[in-house]
């Protein structure tokens, strides 16, 4: 088995509406059944927090799951409010590993965090519409690194075109 196989990263749009939560959970369960035990979440609003919440739910059934929170910088959560902040805080309670891309904000911080997410991963589960975005950057970088990609966005299920 690939030494990296047990690491799964997630990336997706902040506008994610929860419509694929069942498919997301099914995908995580399938990867767990195939050997994945380590899951990395970028902790942004939208798909990241949905993925983190799904991993936390699965942790109640499997004590061998490791949840890693990859956060851009220590005060990143200060802008989160209401249910989003509650989801963030709940995921953080279950994170065995917490890593920060840098000590403070910079214009490149999200690319650094996204690179940290996929570094050493063997799978990337994405919610990517095909748009130019941080999610697109992460998917394209993962493709270049030879990481397996499963895009669960319903409008982009054809092979993902990659243009350098």
C-alpha atoms as a PDB file:
ATOM      1  CA  UNK A   1       0.000   0.000   0.000  1.00  0.00           C
ATOM      2  CA  UNK A   2       1.173   3.489  -0.838  1.00  0.00           C
ATOM      3  CA  UNK A   3       2.785   5.027   2.256  1.00  0.00           C
ATOM      4  CA  UNK A   4       0.726   8.207   1.710  1.00  0.00           C
ATOM      5  CA  UNK A   5      -2.567   6.386   1.192  1.00  0.00           C
ATOM      6  CA  UNK A   6      -3.931   7.089   4.595  1.00  0.00           C
ATOM      7  CA  UNK A   7      -3.924  10.881   4.052  1.00  0.00           C
ATOM      8  CA  UNK A   8      -6.975  12.468   2.442  1.00  0.00           C
ATOM      9  CA  UNK A   9      -7.255  16.232   1.944  1.00  0.00           C
ATOM     10  CA  UNK A  10     -10.360  18.267   1.137  1.00  0.00           C
ATOM     11  CA  UNK A  11     -10.833  21.407  -0.941  1.00  0.00           C
ATOM     12  CA  UNK A  12     -13.945  23.202  -2.073  1.00  0.00           C
ATOM     13  CA  UNK A  13     -15.755  26.429  -2.587  1.00  0.00           C
ATOM     14  CA  UNK A  14     -16.846  28.615   0.302  1.00  0.00           C
ATOM     15  CA  UNK A  15     -20.255  28.857  -1.389  1.00  0.00           C
ATOM     16  CA  UNK A  16     -20.919  25.148  -0.857  1.00  0.00           C
ATOM     17  CA  UNK A  17     -24.555  24.724   0.181  1.00  0.00           C
ATOM     18  CA  UNK A  18     -24.535  21.251   1.740  1.00  0.00           C
ATOM     19  CA  UNK A  19     -26.269  19.649  -1.239  1.00  0.00           C
ATOM     20  CA  UNK A  20     -23.697  16.874  -1.540  1.00  0.00           C
ATOM     21  CA  UNK A  21     -23.337  16.029   2.157  1.00  0.00           C
ATOM     22  CA  UNK A  22     -24.583  12.458   1.630  1.00  0.00           C
ATOM     23  CA  UNK A  23     -22.132  11.905  -1.239  1.00  0.00           C
ATOM     24  CA  UNK A  24     -19.363  13.489   0.819  1.00  0.00           C
ATOM     25  CA  UNK A  25     -20.003  11.076   3.693  1.00  0.00           C
ATOM     26  CA  UNK A  26     -20.182   8.113   1.308  1.00  0.00           C
ATOM     27  CA  UNK A  27     -16.862   9.153  -0.245  1.00  0.00           C
ATOM     28  CA  UNK A  28     -15.187   9.468   3.161  1.00  0.00           C
ATOM     29  CA  UNK A  29     -16.539   6.053   4.223  1.00  0.00           C
ATOM     30  CA  UNK A  30     -15.274   4.465   1.000  1.00  0.00           C
ATOM     31  CA  UNK A  31     -11.808   5.956   1.487  1.00  0.00           C
ATOM     32  CA  UNK A  32     -11.813   4.782   5.106  1.00  0.00           C
ATOM     33  CA  UNK A  33     -12.764   1.260   3.970  1.00  0.00           C
ATOM     34  CA  UNK A  34      -9.808   1.362   1.549  1.00  0.00           C
ATOM     35  CA  UNK A  35      -7.370   2.325   4.303  1.00  0.00           C
ATOM     36  CA  UNK A  36      -7.556   6.093   4.770  1.00  0.00           C
ATOM     37  CA  UNK A  37      -7.198   7.126   8.410  1.00  0.00           C
ATOM     38  CA  UNK A  38      -5.770  10.641   8.271  1.00  0.00           C
ATOM     39  CA  UNK A  39      -7.995  13.464   7.016  1.00  0.00           C
ATOM     40  CA  UNK A  40      -6.877  17.083   6.430  1.00  0.00           C
ATOM     41  CA  UNK A  41      -9.293  19.992   6.411  1.00  0.00           C
ATOM     42  CA  UNK A  42      -8.531  23.610   5.458  1.00  0.00           C
ATOM     43  CA  UNK A  43     -11.118  24.993   7.946  1.00  0.00           C
ATOM     44  CA  UNK A  44     -12.667  27.618   5.636  1.00  0.00           C
ATOM     45  CA  UNK A  45     -16.392  28.273   5.491  1.00  0.00           C
ATOM     46  CA  UNK A  46     -18.358  26.095   3.072  1.00  0.00           C
ATOM     47  CA  UNK A  47     -17.043  22.772   1.815  1.00  0.00           C
ATOM     48  CA  UNK A  48     -14.058  22.641   4.192  1.00  0.00           C
ATOM     49  CA  UNK A  49     -16.241  22.810   7.288  1.00  0.00           C
ATOM     50  CA  UNK A  50     -18.759  20.366   5.790  1.00  0.00           C
ATOM     51  CA  UNK A  51     -15.921  17.891   5.194  1.00  0.00           C
ATOM     52  CA  UNK A  52     -14.574  18.443   8.703  1.00  0.00           C
ATOM     53  CA  UNK A  53     -18.004  17.870  10.208  1.00  0.00           C
ATOM     54  CA  UNK A  54     -18.407  14.653   8.193  1.00  0.00           C
ATOM     55  CA  UNK A  55     -15.046  13.387   9.433  1.00  0.00           C
ATOM     56  CA  UNK A  56     -16.016  14.231  13.026  1.00  0.00           C
ATOM     57  CA  UNK A  57     -19.249  12.255  12.567  1.00  0.00           C
ATOM     58  CA  UNK A  58     -17.290   9.243  11.301  1.00  0.00           C
ATOM     59  CA  UNK A  59     -14.888   9.525  14.234  1.00  0.00           C
ATOM     60  CA  UNK A  60     -17.734   8.523  16.558  1.00  0.00           C
ATOM     61  CA  UNK A  61     -17.691   5.121  14.834  1.00  0.00           C
ATOM     62  CA  UNK A  62     -13.948   4.723  14.251  1.00  0.00           C
ATOM     63  CA  UNK A  63     -11.457   5.677  16.944  1.00  0.00           C
ATOM     64  CA  UNK A  64      -8.458   5.306  14.618  1.00  0.00           C
ATOM     65  CA  UNK A  65      -9.262   8.388  12.522  1.00  0.00           C
ATOM     66  CA  UNK A  66      -6.878  11.334  12.729  1.00  0.00           C
ATOM     67  CA  UNK A  67      -8.290  14.763  11.912  1.00  0.00           C
ATOM     68  CA  UNK A  68      -5.794  17.460  10.961  1.00  0.00           C
ATOM     69  CA  UNK A  69      -6.803  21.119  10.793  1.00  0.00           C
ATOM     70  CA  UNK A  70      -4.692  23.111   8.330  1.00  0.00           C
ATOM     71  CA  UNK A  71      -5.350  26.753   9.118  1.00  0.00           C
ATOM     72  CA  UNK A  72      -3.976  29.769   7.237  1.00  0.00           C
ATOM     73  CA  UNK A  73      -2.945  31.716  10.387  1.00  0.00           C
ATOM     74  CA  UNK A  74      -3.804  31.652  14.131  1.00  0.00           C
ATOM     75  CA  UNK A  75      -6.461  34.403  14.100  1.00  0.00           C
ATOM     76  CA  UNK A  76      -8.167  33.126  10.935  1.00  0.00           C
ATOM     77  CA  UNK A  77     -11.326  32.188  12.848  1.00  0.00           C
ATOM     78  CA  UNK A  78     -11.915  35.733  14.171  1.00  0.00           C
ATOM     79  CA  UNK A  79     -14.140  36.601  11.198  1.00  0.00           C
ATOM     80  CA  UNK A  80     -16.400  33.541  11.563  1.00  0.00           C
ATOM     81  CA  UNK A  81     -19.841  34.101  13.047  1.00  0.00           C
ATOM     82  CA  UNK A  82     -22.884  32.103  14.162  1.00  0.00           C
ATOM     83  CA  UNK A  83     -23.303  28.540  12.902  1.00  0.00           C
ATOM     84  CA  UNK A  84     -20.108  28.752  10.880  1.00  0.00           C
ATOM     85  CA  UNK A  85     -18.098  29.595  14.013  1.00  0.00           C
ATOM     86  CA  UNK A  86     -19.849  26.801  15.940  1.00  0.00           C
ATOM     87  CA  UNK A  87     -18.940  24.267  13.224  1.00  0.00           C
ATOM     88  CA  UNK A  88     -15.329  25.503  13.212  1.00  0.00           C
ATOM     89  CA  UNK A  89     -15.070  25.236  17.007  1.00  0.00           C
ATOM     90  CA  UNK A  90     -16.601  21.746  17.045  1.00  0.00           C
ATOM     91  CA  UNK A  91     -14.159  20.475  14.437  1.00  0.00           C
ATOM     92  CA  UNK A  92     -11.249  22.006  16.339  1.00  0.00           C
ATOM     93  CA  UNK A  93     -12.266  20.056  19.463  1.00  0.00           C
ATOM     94  CA  UNK A  94     -11.650  16.842  17.535  1.00  0.00           C
ATOM     95  CA  UNK A  95      -8.499  17.833  15.645  1.00  0.00           C
ATOM     96  CA  UNK A  96      -5.548  15.725  16.742  1.00  0.00           C
ATOM     97  CA  UNK A  97      -3.181  17.874  14.681  1.00  0.00           C
ATOM     98  CA  UNK A  98      -3.404  21.646  14.186  1.00  0.00           C
ATOM     99  CA  UNK A  99      -1.037  23.326  11.745  1.00  0.00           C
ATOM    100  CA  UNK A 100      -0.792  26.933  10.605  1.00  0.00           C
ATOM    101  CA  UNK A 101       0.572  27.974   7.223  1.00  0.00           C
ATOM    102  CA  UNK A 102       2.052  31.147   8.772  1.00  0.00           C
ATOM    103  CA  UNK A 103       1.920  33.290  11.879  1.00  0.00           C
ATOM    104  CA  UNK A 104      -0.096  36.093  10.250  1.00  0.00           C
ATOM    105  CA  UNK A 105      -2.039  37.031   7.137  1.00  0.00           C
ATOM    106  CA  UNK A 106      -0.268  37.641   3.831  1.00  0.00           C
ATOM    107  CA  UNK A 107      -1.588  37.837   0.256  1.00  0.00           C
ATOM    108  CA  UNK A 108      -0.256  34.336  -0.498  1.00  0.00           C
ATOM    109  CA  UNK A 109      -1.436  32.705   2.733  1.00  0.00           C
ATOM    110  CA  UNK A 110      -4.254  30.673   1.204  1.00  0.00           C
ATOM    111  CA  UNK A 111      -1.991  29.162  -1.454  1.00  0.00           C
ATOM    112  CA  UNK A 112       0.457  28.246   1.313  1.00  0.00           C
ATOM    113  CA  UNK A 113      -2.366  26.618   3.296  1.00  0.00           C
ATOM    114  CA  UNK A 114      -3.586  24.750   0.208  1.00  0.00           C
ATOM    115  CA  UNK A 115      -0.069  23.487  -0.508  1.00  0.00           C
ATOM    116  CA  UNK A 116       0.141  22.312   3.112  1.00  0.00           C
ATOM    117  CA  UNK A 117      -3.174  20.467   2.709  1.00  0.00           C
ATOM    118  CA  UNK A 118      -2.064  18.349  -0.225  1.00  0.00           C
ATOM    119  CA  UNK A 119       1.589  17.861   0.693  1.00  0.00           C
ATOM    120  CA  UNK A 120       2.050  14.120   1.237  1.00  0.00           C
ATOM    121  CA  UNK A 121      -1.613  13.330   0.560  1.00  0.00           C
ATOM    122  CA  UNK A 122      -2.674  10.540  -1.725  1.00  0.00           C
ATOM    123  CA  UNK A 123      -6.285  11.677  -2.198  1.00  0.00           C
ATOM    124  CA  UNK A 124      -7.952  15.032  -2.677  1.00  0.00           C
ATOM    125  CA  UNK A 125     -11.722  15.156  -2.332  1.00  0.00           C
ATOM    126  CA  UNK A 126     -12.954  18.308  -4.041  1.00  0.00           C
ATOM    127  CA  UNK A 127     -16.102  20.332  -4.552  1.00  0.00           C
ATOM    128  CA  UNK A 128     -14.847  22.207  -7.616  1.00  0.00           C
ATOM    129  CA  UNK A 129     -17.066  23.774 -10.259  1.00  0.00           C
ATOM    130  CA  UNK A 130     -14.176  24.320 -12.655  1.00  0.00           C
ATOM    131  CA  UNK A 131     -13.934  28.019 -11.775  1.00  0.00           C
ATOM    132  CA  UNK A 132     -10.664  29.884 -11.348  1.00  0.00           C
ATOM    133  CA  UNK A 133     -10.324  29.900  -7.565  1.00  0.00           C
ATOM    134  CA  UNK A 134      -8.255  28.681  -4.652  1.00  0.00           C
ATOM    135  CA  UNK A 135     -10.029  25.346  -5.047  1.00  0.00           C
ATOM    136  CA  UNK A 136      -9.020  25.276  -8.710  1.00  0.00           C
ATOM    137  CA  UNK A 137      -5.427  26.061  -7.748  1.00  0.00           C
ATOM    138  CA  UNK A 138      -5.429  23.186  -5.258  1.00  0.00           C
ATOM    139  CA  UNK A 139      -6.960  20.663  -7.675  1.00  0.00           C
ATOM    140  CA  UNK A 140      -4.522  21.586 -10.445  1.00  0.00           C
ATOM    141  CA  UNK A 141      -1.547  21.404  -8.077  1.00  0.00           C
ATOM    142  CA  UNK A 142      -2.692  18.025  -6.771  1.00  0.00           C
ATOM    143  CA  UNK A 143      -2.961  16.770 -10.363  1.00  0.00           C
ATOM    144  CA  UNK A 144       0.615  17.904 -11.070  1.00  0.00           C
ATOM    145  CA  UNK A 145       1.793  16.060  -7.934  1.00  0.00           C
ATOM    146  CA  UNK A 146       0.077  12.827  -8.959  1.00  0.00           C
ATOM    147  CA  UNK A 147      -2.481  12.898  -6.163  1.00  0.00           C
ATOM    148  CA  UNK A 148      -5.739  11.034  -6.810  1.00  0.00           C
ATOM    149  CA  UNK A 149      -8.650  13.458  -7.150  1.00  0.00           C
ATOM    150  CA  UNK A 150     -12.331  12.813  -6.584  1.00  0.00           C
ATOM    151  CA  UNK A 151     -14.443  15.817  -7.536  1.00  0.00           C
ATOM    152  CA  UNK A 152     -17.974  15.455  -6.180  1.00  0.00           C
ATOM    153  CA  UNK A 153     -19.334  18.663  -7.739  1.00  0.00           C
ATOM    154  CA  UNK A 154     -22.296  17.591  -9.935  1.00  0.00           C
ATOM    155  CA  UNK A 155     -21.533  19.959 -12.800  1.00  0.00           C
ATOM    156  CA  UNK A 156     -17.936  18.905 -13.302  1.00  0.00           C
ATOM    157  CA  UNK A 157     -17.888  15.117 -13.367  1.00  0.00           C
ATOM    158  CA  UNK A 158     -16.185  14.829 -16.732  1.00  0.00           C
ATOM    159  CA  UNK A 159     -12.401  14.534 -16.702  1.00  0.00           C
ATOM    160  CA  UNK A 160     -10.950  17.745 -15.356  1.00  0.00           C
ATOM    161  CA  UNK A 161      -9.062  19.719 -18.031  1.00  0.00           C
ATOM    162  CA  UNK A 162      -5.672  20.938 -16.903  1.00  0.00           C
ATOM    163  CA  UNK A 163      -3.937  23.763 -18.672  1.00  0.00           C
ATOM    164  CA  UNK A 164      -0.489  24.815 -17.538  1.00  0.00           C
END
